[in-house]
């Protein structure tokens, strides 16, 4: 009954989809040339041969899967690797990654018509969903087509679990369709058991794995040579109000550090004009990365308003404030800047990565802050290379275990 109501709700939304799509294109949240993929009109040809399918919602999930995709690029038994995602930002990230076997498509709307059409066209041998991607209709279609379904690096928060529990019998019927789940933490492992997942194995959080895919171009090399002349503080994955928080930190630090530049990397770059206007009210000078301004003299705030650039800036970071933690968004992933030896600062709201922050706290890498003054007092301008080595070792260990586990499932399907 609940599944019927769910599909009815999706069907009603589809009636208004032209208006929704136009609105999202105007807001620069959709690719006007590729939005048709969400309605299962593929823009790429499905060649013959075995295909494995990775699906992640957005940037974080897709980036965490890149080391796996790189490995399966070399597997001669796999002719094609399909990667789907839901956001425009993730598609732009994948444009910079040149894997010969990989094809990216936007994930289709979760309606039985589109799910069946999608699977009939792509015919994956294995479906690998990342983190919190639970789609009732697609999962049913996958099971109907007898395709192995893996939930990799699974993440379920207390809040999400409470929502699923409100429709317990329906939830169990969906989670029961997962052949094997690999939770990224013990909290998720417990929730998956209670949601009736049949087979669960904990091997660690895939986001500890380092991804060395991105490289500096000539413009970047010149720009980052300029940054060497300044002290830098980074506020990353920021949400509304957190850019102002970072700007206030900058004003406090500027009293002591005259050659300071604060780099802000907003979670949603479509907000850039709003961010600039707010920061200018504090009488701070702002430039954007997209302007390609090579002169950093007298600049206060440098806003990274382009996709897939975070890692380049993390390489020069010594202290990073992670967004989604002052506002109640559950926090963003702190592992990438931590891998580069940065001290991690965050607000009190870290439900999305509670165990990760606990681990970083034990290593004395992270610290909770509540005010700009508190944040400014904890910022350091020196990397901790000892922690870099610790995290690199852990990442390599998790990657090896993950590949071994996936091989057990995938190898049986691609012989």
Protein backbone atom coordinates (compact mmCIF):
# COMPACT_ATOMS: atom_id res chain seq x y z
CA UNK A 1 0.00 0.00 0.00
CA UNK A 2 2.78 2.44 0.95
CA UNK A 3 4.67 1.61 -2.24
CA UNK A 4 1.52 2.40 -4.26
CA UNK A 5 1.18 5.76 -2.47
CA UNK A 6 4.87 6.45 -3.11
CA UNK A 7 4.51 5.78 -6.83
CA UNK A 8 1.32 7.83 -6.98
CA UNK A 9 3.16 10.73 -5.37
CA UNK A 10 6.00 10.45 -7.92
CA UNK A 11 3.44 10.29 -10.74
CA UNK A 12 1.81 13.52 -9.54
CA UNK A 13 5.21 15.23 -9.40
CA UNK A 14 5.85 14.10 -12.98
CA UNK A 15 2.79 16.07 -14.10
CA UNK A 16 4.50 19.23 -12.90
CA UNK A 17 7.99 18.17 -14.01
CA UNK A 18 8.23 20.60 -16.98
CA UNK A 19 7.75 23.56 -14.62
CA UNK A 20 10.15 22.08 -12.05
CA UNK A 21 12.81 21.40 -14.69
CA UNK A 22 12.60 24.94 -16.15
CA UNK A 23 12.87 26.44 -12.68
CA UNK A 24 15.93 24.28 -11.84
CA UNK A 25 17.62 25.15 -15.17
CA UNK A 26 17.12 28.86 -14.46
CA UNK A 27 18.61 28.31 -10.99
CA UNK A 28 21.59 26.56 -12.69
CA UNK A 29 20.85 23.31 -10.86
CA UNK A 30 20.33 21.27 -14.04
CA UNK A 31 22.15 20.77 -17.33
CA UNK A 32 19.63 21.88 -19.95
CA UNK A 33 21.17 19.56 -22.56
CA UNK A 34 21.28 16.49 -20.32
CA UNK A 35 18.25 16.80 -18.04
CA UNK A 36 16.46 14.37 -20.37
CA UNK A 37 18.63 11.60 -18.88
CA UNK A 38 16.58 11.87 -15.67
CA UNK A 39 13.57 10.87 -17.76
CA UNK A 40 15.49 7.90 -19.11
CA UNK A 41 16.49 9.28 -22.49
CA UNK A 42 20.15 8.19 -22.50
CA UNK A 43 22.74 10.41 -24.16
CA UNK A 44 25.31 7.62 -24.56
CA UNK A 45 25.23 4.32 -26.43
CA UNK A 46 25.33 1.10 -24.44
CA UNK A 47 28.06 -0.97 -26.11
CA UNK A 48 28.17 -4.77 -25.90
CA UNK A 49 29.88 -6.52 -23.02
CA UNK A 50 29.78 -6.71 -19.24
CA UNK A 51 28.87 -3.50 -17.45
CA UNK A 52 29.11 -2.62 -13.76
CA UNK A 53 27.14 0.29 -12.35
CA UNK A 54 28.09 2.71 -9.57
CA UNK A 55 25.53 5.19 -8.26
CA UNK A 56 26.16 8.04 -5.82
CA UNK A 57 24.05 11.07 -5.12
CA UNK A 58 26.62 13.85 -5.39
CA UNK A 59 30.27 14.89 -5.31
CA UNK A 60 31.36 13.19 -2.07
CA UNK A 61 30.02 9.77 -2.98
CA UNK A 62 31.36 9.89 -6.53
CA UNK A 63 34.84 11.00 -5.45
CA UNK A 64 35.03 8.18 -2.89
CA UNK A 65 34.34 5.65 -5.66
CA UNK A 66 37.08 6.90 -8.03
CA UNK A 67 39.84 4.59 -6.65
CA UNK A 68 37.49 1.64 -7.25
CA UNK A 69 36.58 2.77 -10.75
CA UNK A 70 40.28 3.20 -11.55
CA UNK A 71 40.90 -0.40 -10.51
CA UNK A 72 38.06 -1.82 -12.61
CA UNK A 73 39.24 0.20 -15.62
CA UNK A 74 42.10 -2.31 -15.76
CA UNK A 75 39.85 -5.38 -15.56
CA UNK A 76 39.68 -6.96 -19.03
CA UNK A 77 36.42 -8.77 -18.22
CA UNK A 78 34.61 -5.45 -17.75
CA UNK A 79 33.84 -3.58 -20.96
CA UNK A 80 31.91 -0.66 -19.48
CA UNK A 81 31.58 1.20 -16.17
CA UNK A 82 28.39 3.22 -15.76
CA UNK A 83 28.40 5.98 -13.13
CA UNK A 84 25.16 7.75 -12.26
CA UNK A 85 24.58 10.71 -9.97
CA UNK A 86 21.83 13.21 -9.26
CA UNK A 87 23.58 16.58 -9.08
CA UNK A 88 25.05 18.96 -11.61
CA UNK A 89 28.19 19.43 -9.50
CA UNK A 90 29.00 15.70 -9.62
CA UNK A 91 28.70 15.64 -13.42
CA UNK A 92 31.19 18.51 -13.68
CA UNK A 93 33.63 16.68 -11.41
CA UNK A 94 33.49 13.62 -13.66
CA UNK A 95 34.26 15.71 -16.76
CA UNK A 96 37.77 16.13 -15.37
CA UNK A 97 38.32 12.39 -15.00
CA UNK A 98 39.43 10.55 -18.12
CA UNK A 99 38.58 6.90 -17.71
CA UNK A 100 38.13 5.17 -21.07
CA UNK A 101 35.49 2.69 -19.91
CA UNK A 102 33.47 5.12 -17.79
CA UNK A 103 30.19 6.69 -18.88
CA UNK A 104 28.27 9.16 -16.74
CA UNK A 105 24.49 9.58 -16.81
CA UNK A 106 22.08 11.36 -14.50
CA UNK A 107 20.10 9.03 -12.26
CA UNK A 108 16.50 8.51 -13.45
CA UNK A 109 13.40 9.51 -11.50
CA UNK A 110 12.38 6.70 -9.15
CA UNK A 111 9.24 5.61 -10.98
CA UNK A 112 8.59 2.02 -12.11
CA UNK A 113 8.42 3.09 -15.79
CA UNK A 114 11.83 4.80 -15.72
CA UNK A 115 13.49 2.17 -13.52
CA UNK A 116 12.50 -0.66 -15.85
CA UNK A 117 13.46 1.32 -18.94
CA UNK A 118 16.84 2.25 -17.44
CA UNK A 119 17.74 -1.35 -16.54
CA UNK A 120 16.53 -2.72 -19.88
CA UNK A 121 18.80 -0.29 -21.69
CA UNK A 122 21.98 -0.50 -19.59
CA UNK A 123 21.68 -4.13 -18.40
CA UNK A 124 24.24 -3.93 -15.57
CA UNK A 125 25.81 -7.11 -14.25
CA UNK A 126 26.14 -5.57 -10.77
CA UNK A 127 24.55 -2.49 -9.16
CA UNK A 128 26.66 -0.70 -6.52
CA UNK A 129 24.86 2.06 -4.61
CA UNK A 130 26.87 4.39 -2.39
CA UNK A 131 26.15 5.64 1.12
CA UNK A 132 22.53 6.75 1.68
CA UNK A 133 21.10 6.06 -1.76
CA UNK A 134 17.99 3.97 -1.08
CA UNK A 135 15.46 4.04 -3.93
CA UNK A 136 12.39 1.77 -3.45
CA UNK A 137 11.33 1.49 -7.08
CA UNK A 138 14.80 0.99 -8.54
CA UNK A 139 15.64 -1.58 -5.87
CA UNK A 140 12.52 -3.57 -6.78
CA UNK A 141 13.37 -3.42 -10.48
CA UNK A 142 16.95 -4.52 -9.77
CA UNK A 143 15.71 -7.49 -7.80
CA UNK A 144 13.15 -8.35 -10.50
CA UNK A 145 15.98 -8.44 -13.05
CA UNK A 146 18.09 -10.63 -10.73
CA UNK A 147 20.94 -8.13 -10.59
CA UNK A 148 23.19 -8.29 -7.48
CA UNK A 149 22.63 -5.17 -5.37
CA UNK A 150 25.44 -3.84 -3.16
CA UNK A 151 25.14 -0.91 -0.74
CA UNK A 152 28.72 0.30 -0.41
CA UNK A 153 30.07 2.63 2.27
CA UNK A 154 26.53 2.69 3.66
CA UNK A 155 25.62 5.59 5.91
CA UNK A 156 22.41 5.95 7.93
CA UNK A 157 22.09 8.62 10.59
CA UNK A 158 19.83 8.45 13.64
CA UNK A 159 17.51 10.99 12.03
CA UNK A 160 17.22 8.97 8.81
CA UNK A 161 16.71 5.73 10.73
CA UNK A 162 13.86 7.33 12.70
CA UNK A 163 12.16 8.30 9.43
CA UNK A 164 12.46 4.74 8.04
CA UNK A 165 11.06 3.33 11.30
CA UNK A 166 7.83 5.28 10.85
CA UNK A 167 7.06 2.95 7.93
CA UNK A 168 8.80 -0.12 9.35
CA UNK A 169 7.22 -2.92 7.28
CA UNK A 170 7.74 -0.99 4.04
CA UNK A 171 11.32 -0.08 5.01
CA UNK A 172 12.19 -3.68 5.82
CA UNK A 173 10.80 -4.84 2.48
CA UNK A 174 13.11 -2.38 0.65
CA UNK A 175 16.27 -2.93 2.71
CA UNK A 176 15.75 -6.68 2.46
CA UNK A 177 16.38 -6.38 -1.30
CA UNK A 178 20.05 -5.47 -0.68
CA UNK A 179 22.26 -8.51 -1.25
CA UNK A 180 25.14 -7.20 0.86
CA UNK A 181 25.82 -3.92 2.67
CA UNK A 182 29.19 -2.51 3.72
CA UNK A 183 28.51 0.13 6.41
CA UNK A 184 31.06 2.87 6.97
CA UNK A 185 30.54 2.88 10.75
CA UNK A 186 29.14 0.79 13.58
CA UNK A 187 26.08 2.99 14.06
CA UNK A 188 25.01 2.29 10.49
CA UNK A 189 25.74 -1.42 10.93
CA UNK A 190 23.28 -1.51 13.85
CA UNK A 191 20.61 0.38 11.89
CA UNK A 192 20.97 -1.90 8.86
CA UNK A 193 20.45 -4.97 11.05
CA UNK A 194 17.28 -3.46 12.46
CA UNK A 195 16.09 -2.64 8.93
CA UNK A 196 16.39 -6.31 7.96
CA UNK A 197 19.43 -6.26 5.65
CA UNK A 198 20.39 -9.91 5.22
CA UNK A 199 24.18 -9.70 4.86
CA UNK A 200 26.37 -6.99 6.43
CA UNK A 201 30.13 -6.64 6.64
CA UNK A 202 31.98 -3.66 8.13
CA UNK A 203 35.33 -2.87 6.49
CA UNK A 204 35.72 0.86 7.20
CA UNK A 205 34.87 4.21 5.67
CA UNK A 206 35.85 4.47 2.00
CA UNK A 207 36.29 8.22 2.38
CA UNK A 208 39.54 7.58 4.24
CA UNK A 209 40.97 6.46 0.88
CA UNK A 210 43.08 9.06 -0.90
CA UNK A 211 42.19 10.01 -4.47
CA UNK A 212 45.09 11.39 -6.52
CA UNK A 213 43.13 12.02 -9.70
CA UNK A 214 43.34 15.83 -9.86
CA UNK A 215 46.37 17.76 -11.09
CA UNK A 216 47.34 21.41 -11.33
CA UNK A 217 47.23 23.11 -14.75
CA UNK A 218 49.50 26.01 -15.73
CA UNK A 219 47.10 28.66 -14.42
CA UNK A 220 46.79 26.82 -11.10
CA UNK A 221 50.57 26.55 -10.69
CA UNK A 222 50.99 30.30 -11.03
CA UNK A 223 48.06 31.02 -8.70
CA UNK A 224 49.24 28.68 -5.96
CA UNK A 225 52.75 30.04 -6.18
CA UNK A 226 51.17 33.39 -5.18
CA UNK A 227 49.37 31.82 -2.23
CA UNK A 228 52.76 30.77 -0.81
CA UNK A 229 53.34 34.42 0.08
CA UNK A 230 50.30 34.47 2.38
CA UNK A 231 48.93 32.80 5.48
CA UNK A 232 45.70 30.99 4.53
CA UNK A 233 42.65 29.80 6.39
CA UNK A 234 39.98 27.76 4.58
CA UNK A 235 36.25 27.49 5.22
CA UNK A 236 34.97 24.56 3.13
CA UNK A 237 31.56 23.13 2.21
CA UNK A 238 29.91 26.14 3.81
CA UNK A 239 26.17 26.75 3.93
CA UNK A 240 24.16 29.95 4.36
CA UNK A 241 25.39 32.02 7.36
CA UNK A 242 28.65 30.04 7.57
CA UNK A 243 30.40 32.27 5.01
CA UNK A 244 29.74 35.22 7.32
CA UNK A 245 31.07 33.14 10.21
CA UNK A 246 34.32 32.62 8.25
CA UNK A 247 34.49 36.30 7.29
CA UNK A 248 34.21 37.30 10.96
CA UNK A 249 37.02 34.85 11.80
CA UNK A 250 39.08 36.57 9.11
CA UNK A 251 38.50 40.01 10.62
CA UNK A 252 39.68 38.80 14.02
CA UNK A 253 42.78 37.08 12.60
CA UNK A 254 43.63 40.04 10.37
CA UNK A 255 44.50 42.09 13.46
CA UNK A 256 47.45 39.75 14.03
CA UNK A 257 48.12 38.37 10.54
CA UNK A 258 48.33 41.17 8.01
CA UNK A 259 49.20 38.84 5.10
CA UNK A 260 46.12 36.62 5.62
CA UNK A 261 43.76 35.38 2.90
CA UNK A 262 40.67 33.42 3.84
CA UNK A 263 39.53 30.94 1.19
CA UNK A 264 35.83 30.09 1.18
CA UNK A 265 34.59 27.03 -0.72
CA UNK A 266 30.76 27.11 -0.58
CA UNK A 267 28.76 23.90 -0.72
CA UNK A 268 26.49 25.39 -3.41
CA UNK A 269 28.29 27.71 -5.83
CA UNK A 270 25.02 29.09 -7.21
CA UNK A 271 24.88 31.18 -3.99
CA UNK A 272 28.09 33.04 -4.86
CA UNK A 273 26.49 36.46 -5.55
CA UNK A 274 24.62 36.35 -2.25
CA UNK A 275 27.85 35.42 -0.44
CA UNK A 276 29.81 38.26 -2.04
CA UNK A 277 27.16 40.84 -1.14
CA UNK A 278 27.03 39.67 2.49
CA UNK A 279 30.81 39.71 2.93
CA UNK A 280 31.21 43.15 1.36
CA UNK A 281 29.00 44.53 4.13
CA UNK A 282 31.92 43.74 6.47
CA UNK A 283 34.17 45.98 4.33
CA UNK A 284 36.23 43.04 3.10
CA UNK A 285 37.68 42.79 -0.39
CA UNK A 286 36.45 39.70 -2.29
CA UNK A 287 37.46 37.97 -5.52
CA UNK A 288 36.29 34.70 -7.07
CA UNK A 289 38.30 31.82 -8.47
CA UNK A 290 36.36 31.94 -11.75
CA UNK A 291 37.57 35.52 -12.34
CA UNK A 292 41.12 34.10 -12.79
CA UNK A 293 42.49 37.18 -11.05
CA UNK A 294 46.20 36.50 -10.57
CA UNK A 295 46.80 39.44 -8.23
CA UNK A 296 46.15 38.56 -4.60
CA UNK A 297 47.48 41.79 -3.11
CA UNK A 298 45.05 43.41 -0.61
CA UNK A 299 42.56 40.54 -1.03
CA UNK A 300 40.71 39.43 2.10
CA UNK A 301 38.37 36.68 0.89
CA UNK A 302 38.98 34.31 -2.04
CA UNK A 303 35.80 32.45 -3.04
CA UNK A 304 36.15 29.17 -4.93
CA UNK A 305 33.05 29.28 -7.13
CA UNK A 306 33.98 26.43 -9.48
CA UNK A 307 33.36 22.69 -9.20
CA UNK A 308 35.95 20.10 -8.23
CA UNK A 309 38.61 22.52 -7.01
CA UNK A 310 38.59 21.79 -3.26
CA UNK A 311 41.48 19.35 -3.25
CA UNK A 312 43.83 21.83 -4.89
CA UNK A 313 43.24 24.25 -2.04
CA UNK A 314 43.44 21.58 0.65
CA UNK A 315 47.01 20.95 -0.49
CA UNK A 316 47.98 24.40 0.83
CA UNK A 317 45.72 24.30 3.89
CA UNK A 318 46.88 24.23 7.49
CA UNK A 319 43.50 24.90 9.16
CA UNK A 320 40.08 24.16 7.66
CA UNK A 321 36.65 24.98 9.06
CA UNK A 322 34.12 22.41 7.80
CA UNK A 323 30.64 23.70 6.99
CA UNK A 324 27.21 22.30 7.72
CA UNK A 325 28.22 22.23 11.38
CA UNK A 326 27.28 25.70 12.64
CA UNK A 327 23.94 25.47 10.83
CA UNK A 328 22.06 22.25 11.48
CA UNK A 329 23.00 20.27 8.36
CA UNK A 330 24.78 17.39 10.07
CA UNK A 331 28.23 18.42 8.82
CA UNK A 332 30.33 17.74 5.73
CA UNK A 333 33.14 15.24 5.26
CA UNK A 334 36.38 16.38 6.96
CA UNK A 335 38.62 13.57 5.74
CA UNK A 336 40.05 15.09 2.59
CA UNK A 337 41.55 18.21 4.24
CA UNK A 338 42.65 16.08 7.21
CA UNK A 339 44.60 13.81 4.83
CA UNK A 340 46.64 16.85 3.80
CA UNK A 341 47.67 17.59 7.39
CA UNK A 342 45.18 20.36 8.14
CA UNK A 343 43.70 21.02 11.55
CA UNK A 344 39.92 20.56 11.32
CA UNK A 345 37.55 22.99 13.03
CA UNK A 346 33.80 22.43 13.12
CA UNK A 347 30.59 23.46 14.83
CA UNK A 348 28.47 21.25 17.11
CA UNK A 349 26.34 19.63 14.37
CA UNK A 350 28.29 16.62 13.07
CA UNK A 351 25.67 13.84 12.99
CA UNK A 352 26.54 12.85 9.41
CA UNK A 353 30.14 12.03 10.34
CA UNK A 354 30.01 11.46 14.10
CA UNK A 355 32.45 8.50 14.16
CA UNK A 356 34.84 10.21 11.73
CA UNK A 357 35.03 13.29 13.93
CA UNK A 358 35.52 11.08 16.99
CA UNK A 359 38.48 9.42 15.24
CA UNK A 360 39.97 12.80 14.25
CA UNK A 361 39.43 14.09 17.77
CA UNK A 362 41.35 11.12 19.21
CA UNK A 363 44.24 12.02 16.90
CA UNK A 364 43.94 15.63 18.09
CA UNK A 365 43.25 16.68 14.50
CA UNK A 366 39.81 18.24 15.00
CA UNK A 367 38.25 20.67 17.45
CA UNK A 368 34.69 21.90 18.04
CA UNK A 369 34.04 25.65 17.94
CA UNK A 370 30.92 27.74 18.44
CA UNK A 371 31.97 31.34 17.82
CA UNK A 372 34.27 33.17 15.37
CA UNK A 373 36.51 34.20 18.28
CA UNK A 374 36.82 30.58 19.46
CA UNK A 375 37.61 29.49 15.90
CA UNK A 376 40.25 32.18 15.39
CA UNK A 377 42.05 31.18 18.60
CA UNK A 378 42.43 27.57 17.44
CA UNK A 379 43.69 28.18 13.90
CA UNK A 380 47.26 27.04 13.19
CA UNK A 381 49.48 27.76 10.21
CA UNK A 382 51.54 24.57 10.16
CA UNK A 383 50.70 21.12 8.81
CA UNK A 384 50.91 17.93 10.92
CA UNK A 385 52.73 15.43 8.69
CA UNK A 386 52.63 12.66 11.33
CA UNK A 387 48.84 12.53 11.02
CA UNK A 388 49.11 12.55 7.22
CA UNK A 389 51.07 9.29 7.39
CA UNK A 390 48.58 7.73 9.83
CA UNK A 391 45.58 8.52 7.62
CA UNK A 392 47.33 7.42 4.44
CA UNK A 393 48.06 4.01 6.00
CA UNK A 394 44.46 3.60 7.16
CA UNK A 395 43.12 4.62 3.73
CA UNK A 396 45.28 2.06 1.91
CA UNK A 397 44.15 -0.66 4.31
CA UNK A 398 40.44 0.14 3.76
CA UNK A 399 40.83 0.33 -0.04
CA UNK A 400 42.49 -3.10 -0.14
CA UNK A 401 39.72 -4.64 1.98
CA UNK A 402 36.98 -2.98 -0.10
CA UNK A 403 38.40 -4.21 -3.40
CA UNK A 404 38.77 -7.74 -2.04
CA UNK A 405 35.15 -7.76 -0.90
CA UNK A 406 33.78 -6.31 -4.15
CA UNK A 407 35.82 -8.76 -6.21
CA UNK A 408 34.05 -11.66 -4.51
CA UNK A 409 30.68 -10.42 -5.79
CA UNK A 410 31.68 -8.85 -9.09
CA UNK A 411 33.94 -11.67 -10.32
CA UNK A 412 31.04 -14.14 -10.17
CA UNK A 413 28.95 -11.88 -12.42
CA UNK A 414 31.51 -10.96 -15.09
CA UNK A 415 33.03 -14.33 -15.97
